Amino acid sequence: MRDGLLNETLFTSLAHAREAVASWADDHNAERPHSSLGYATQAACAAGLRLAALQAVATVANDGDNTRRSLVATG
């Protein structure tokens, strides 16, 4: 953020700074691929994690063993 935004931008007001930082964060999280995430965006990675969590819950609910022990064991 410092190199790509803060060092290159002369902010004219606090509102301008907030708008620029919010725009940069949106771009960074939703548009830029990250090598540590297999070149996926942070938004795509988060969506995949949410989907995996929902599938895990559905698997527990559908296996017919909804005892407290089985639910605790899966998280």
N, C-alpha and C. Protein backbone atom coordinates (compact mmCIF):
# COMPACT_ATOMS: atom_id res chain seq x y z
N MET A 1 0.83 -1.18 0.00
CA MET A 1 0.00 0.00 0.00
C MET A 1 0.87 1.24 0.00
N ARG A 2 1.94 1.20 0.78
CA ARG A 2 2.76 2.40 0.86
C ARG A 2 3.34 2.76 -0.50
N ASP A 3 3.94 1.79 -1.19
CA ASP A 3 4.57 2.08 -2.47
C ASP A 3 3.55 2.40 -3.56
N GLY A 4 2.44 1.68 -3.56
CA GLY A 4 1.48 1.83 -4.64
C GLY A 4 0.48 2.94 -4.46
N LEU A 5 0.35 3.48 -3.28
CA LEU A 5 -0.67 4.50 -3.05
C LEU A 5 -0.15 5.65 -2.20
N LEU A 6 0.31 5.37 -1.02
CA LEU A 6 0.62 6.44 -0.07
C LEU A 6 1.80 7.30 -0.50
N ASN A 7 2.83 6.70 -1.06
CA ASN A 7 3.99 7.48 -1.49
C ASN A 7 3.73 8.23 -2.79
N GLU A 8 2.72 7.85 -3.54
CA GLU A 8 2.48 8.44 -4.86
C GLU A 8 1.31 9.41 -4.91
N THR A 9 0.56 9.54 -3.81
CA THR A 9 -0.66 10.34 -3.85
C THR A 9 -0.58 11.49 -2.86
N LEU A 10 -0.92 12.67 -3.34
CA LEU A 10 -1.04 13.84 -2.48
C LEU A 10 -2.52 14.01 -2.17
N PHE A 11 -2.90 13.70 -0.96
CA PHE A 11 -4.30 13.76 -0.57
C PHE A 11 -4.68 15.19 -0.25
N THR A 12 -5.84 15.60 -0.73
CA THR A 12 -6.29 16.97 -0.52
C THR A 12 -7.18 17.12 0.71
N SER A 13 -7.69 16.01 1.21
CA SER A 13 -8.55 16.04 2.39
C SER A 13 -8.62 14.64 2.99
N LEU A 14 -9.17 14.56 4.17
CA LEU A 14 -9.36 13.26 4.81
C LEU A 14 -10.33 12.41 4.00
N ALA A 15 -11.37 13.03 3.47
CA ALA A 15 -12.34 12.30 2.65
C ALA A 15 -11.67 11.73 1.40
N HIS A 16 -10.79 12.51 0.78
CA HIS A 16 -10.05 12.05 -0.40
C HIS A 16 -9.17 10.85 -0.04
N ALA A 17 -8.50 10.92 1.10
CA ALA A 17 -7.64 9.82 1.55
C ALA A 17 -8.47 8.56 1.81
N ARG A 18 -9.60 8.72 2.48
CA ARG A 18 -10.45 7.56 2.75
C ARG A 18 -10.96 6.93 1.47
N GLU A 19 -11.36 7.74 0.51
CA GLU A 19 -11.86 7.23 -0.77
C GLU A 19 -10.76 6.49 -1.53
N ALA A 20 -9.57 7.05 -1.55
CA ALA A 20 -8.45 6.43 -2.26
C ALA A 20 -8.04 5.11 -1.62
N VAL A 21 -7.99 5.08 -0.30
CA VAL A 21 -7.61 3.85 0.41
C VAL A 21 -8.66 2.77 0.21
N ALA A 22 -9.93 3.15 0.27
CA ALA A 22 -11.01 2.17 0.06
C ALA A 22 -10.96 1.61 -1.36
N SER A 23 -10.71 2.46 -2.33
CA SER A 23 -10.62 2.01 -3.72
C SER A 23 -9.42 1.07 -3.90
N TRP A 24 -8.29 1.42 -3.31
CA TRP A 24 -7.10 0.58 -3.40
C TRP A 24 -7.36 -0.78 -2.76
N ALA A 25 -8.00 -0.79 -1.58
CA ALA A 25 -8.28 -2.04 -0.88
C ALA A 25 -9.23 -2.92 -1.69
N ASP A 26 -10.25 -2.32 -2.29
CA ASP A 26 -11.17 -3.09 -3.12
C ASP A 26 -10.44 -3.74 -4.29
N ASP A 27 -9.58 -2.98 -4.95
CA ASP A 27 -8.80 -3.50 -6.07
C ASP A 27 -7.86 -4.61 -5.60
N HIS A 28 -7.19 -4.39 -4.49
CA HIS A 28 -6.23 -5.35 -3.96
C HIS A 28 -6.90 -6.67 -3.59
N ASN A 29 -8.09 -6.60 -3.00
CA ASN A 29 -8.76 -7.80 -2.52
C ASN A 29 -9.57 -8.52 -3.59
N ALA A 30 -10.08 -7.80 -4.57
CA ALA A 30 -11.00 -8.40 -5.54
C ALA A 30 -10.43 -8.58 -6.93
N GLU A 31 -9.40 -7.83 -7.27
CA GLU A 31 -8.90 -7.85 -8.65
C GLU A 31 -7.49 -8.40 -8.82
N ARG A 32 -6.65 -8.24 -7.83
CA ARG A 32 -5.25 -8.64 -7.97
C ARG A 32 -5.02 -10.08 -7.52
N PRO A 33 -4.45 -10.91 -8.39
CA PRO A 33 -4.12 -12.28 -7.98
C PRO A 33 -2.92 -12.27 -7.03
N HIS A 34 -2.89 -13.21 -6.12
CA HIS A 34 -1.82 -13.31 -5.14
C HIS A 34 -1.13 -14.65 -5.29
N SER A 35 0.18 -14.64 -5.39
CA SER A 35 0.93 -15.88 -5.59
C SER A 35 0.74 -16.85 -4.43
N SER A 36 0.59 -16.34 -3.22
CA SER A 36 0.43 -17.23 -2.06
C SER A 36 -0.92 -17.94 -2.07
N LEU A 37 -1.85 -17.49 -2.91
CA LEU A 37 -3.18 -18.11 -3.02
C LEU A 37 -3.32 -18.85 -4.34
N GLY A 38 -2.20 -19.25 -4.92
CA GLY A 38 -2.24 -19.95 -6.20
C GLY A 38 -2.70 -19.04 -7.33
N TYR A 39 -2.34 -17.77 -7.22
CA TYR A 39 -2.69 -16.74 -8.21
C TYR A 39 -4.19 -16.52 -8.34
N ALA A 40 -4.91 -16.75 -7.25
CA ALA A 40 -6.33 -16.39 -7.17
C ALA A 40 -6.42 -15.06 -6.45
N THR A 41 -7.55 -14.40 -6.59
CA THR A 41 -7.76 -13.17 -5.83
C THR A 41 -8.18 -13.54 -4.42
N GLN A 42 -8.03 -12.60 -3.50
CA GLN A 42 -8.45 -12.87 -2.13
C GLN A 42 -9.95 -13.11 -2.06
N ALA A 43 -10.72 -12.41 -2.86
CA ALA A 43 -12.17 -12.60 -2.88
C ALA A 43 -12.54 -14.00 -3.36
N ALA A 44 -11.87 -14.49 -4.40
CA ALA A 44 -12.15 -15.83 -4.91
C ALA A 44 -11.74 -16.89 -3.89
N CYS A 45 -10.64 -16.68 -3.22
CA CYS A 45 -10.19 -17.64 -2.20
C CYS A 45 -11.19 -17.68 -1.05
N ALA A 46 -11.65 -16.53 -0.60
CA ALA A 46 -12.63 -16.48 0.49
C ALA A 46 -13.94 -17.16 0.08
N ALA A 47 -14.37 -16.95 -1.16
CA ALA A 47 -15.60 -17.59 -1.64
C ALA A 47 -15.44 -19.10 -1.65
N GLY A 48 -14.28 -19.59 -2.06
CA GLY A 48 -14.01 -21.02 -2.06
C GLY A 48 -14.02 -21.60 -0.65
N LEU A 49 -13.47 -20.86 0.30
CA LEU A 49 -13.47 -21.33 1.69
C LEU A 49 -14.89 -21.37 2.25
N ARG A 50 -15.71 -20.37 1.92
CA ARG A 50 -17.10 -20.37 2.38
C ARG A 50 -17.86 -21.55 1.80
N LEU A 51 -17.64 -21.83 0.52
CA LEU A 51 -18.30 -22.95 -0.13
C LEU A 51 -17.87 -24.28 0.50
N ALA A 52 -16.60 -24.43 0.78
CA ALA A 52 -16.11 -25.66 1.41
C ALA A 52 -16.72 -25.84 2.79
N ALA A 53 -16.85 -24.75 3.54
CA ALA A 53 -17.45 -24.84 4.87
C ALA A 53 -18.93 -25.23 4.78
N LEU A 54 -19.64 -24.65 3.82
CA LEU A 54 -21.05 -25.01 3.65
C LEU A 54 -21.21 -26.47 3.24
N GLN A 55 -20.32 -26.96 2.38
CA GLN A 55 -20.38 -28.36 1.96
C GLN A 55 -20.08 -29.29 3.13
N ALA A 56 -19.16 -28.89 4.01
CA ALA A 56 -18.84 -29.71 5.17
C ALA A 56 -20.04 -29.79 6.11
N VAL A 57 -20.72 -28.67 6.32
CA VAL A 57 -21.90 -28.67 7.17
C VAL A 57 -22.99 -29.53 6.55
N ALA A 58 -23.19 -29.43 5.25
CA ALA A 58 -24.22 -30.22 4.57
C ALA A 58 -23.91 -31.71 4.67
N THR A 59 -22.64 -32.07 4.59
CA THR A 59 -22.25 -33.48 4.70
C THR A 59 -22.60 -34.02 6.08
N VAL A 60 -22.32 -33.26 7.12
CA VAL A 60 -22.64 -33.69 8.47
C VAL A 60 -24.15 -33.81 8.64
N ALA A 61 -24.87 -32.85 8.10
CA ALA A 61 -26.33 -32.86 8.23
C ALA A 61 -26.95 -34.03 7.46
N ASN A 62 -26.36 -34.43 6.36
CA ASN A 62 -26.94 -35.47 5.50
C ASN A 62 -26.51 -36.88 5.86
N ASP A 63 -25.53 -37.04 6.73
CA ASP A 63 -25.07 -38.40 7.02
C ASP A 63 -25.94 -39.11 8.06
N GLY A 64 -26.93 -38.42 8.60
CA GLY A 64 -27.86 -39.03 9.53
C GLY A 64 -27.35 -39.12 10.95
N ASP A 65 -26.12 -38.72 11.19
CA ASP A 65 -25.55 -38.78 12.54
C ASP A 65 -25.37 -37.37 13.05
N ASN A 66 -26.43 -36.79 13.54
CA ASN A 66 -26.38 -35.42 14.01
C ASN A 66 -26.25 -35.35 15.53
N THR A 67 -25.55 -36.29 16.09
CA THR A 67 -25.33 -36.28 17.52
C THR A 67 -24.35 -35.18 17.87
N ARG A 68 -24.34 -34.81 19.11
CA ARG A 68 -23.44 -33.76 19.53
C ARG A 68 -21.98 -34.14 19.27
N ARG A 69 -21.65 -35.39 19.48
CA ARG A 69 -20.28 -35.85 19.28
C ARG A 69 -19.85 -35.67 17.82
N SER A 70 -20.71 -36.05 16.87
CA SER A 70 -20.30 -35.94 15.46
C SER A 70 -20.20 -34.49 15.02
N LEU A 71 -21.05 -33.62 15.54
CA LEU A 71 -21.00 -32.20 15.17
C LEU A 71 -19.77 -31.52 15.77
N VAL A 72 -19.40 -31.88 16.97
CA VAL A 72 -18.23 -31.30 17.60
C VAL A 72 -16.96 -31.78 16.88
N ALA A 73 -16.93 -33.04 16.49
CA ALA A 73 -15.74 -33.59 15.84
C ALA A 73 -15.46 -32.91 14.50
N THR A 74 -16.47 -32.43 13.82
CA THR A 74 -16.24 -31.78 12.53
C THR A 74 -16.01 -30.29 12.65
N GLY A 75 -16.18 -29.74 13.79
CA GLY A 75 -15.91 -28.33 13.98
C GLY A 75 -17.15 -27.55 14.08
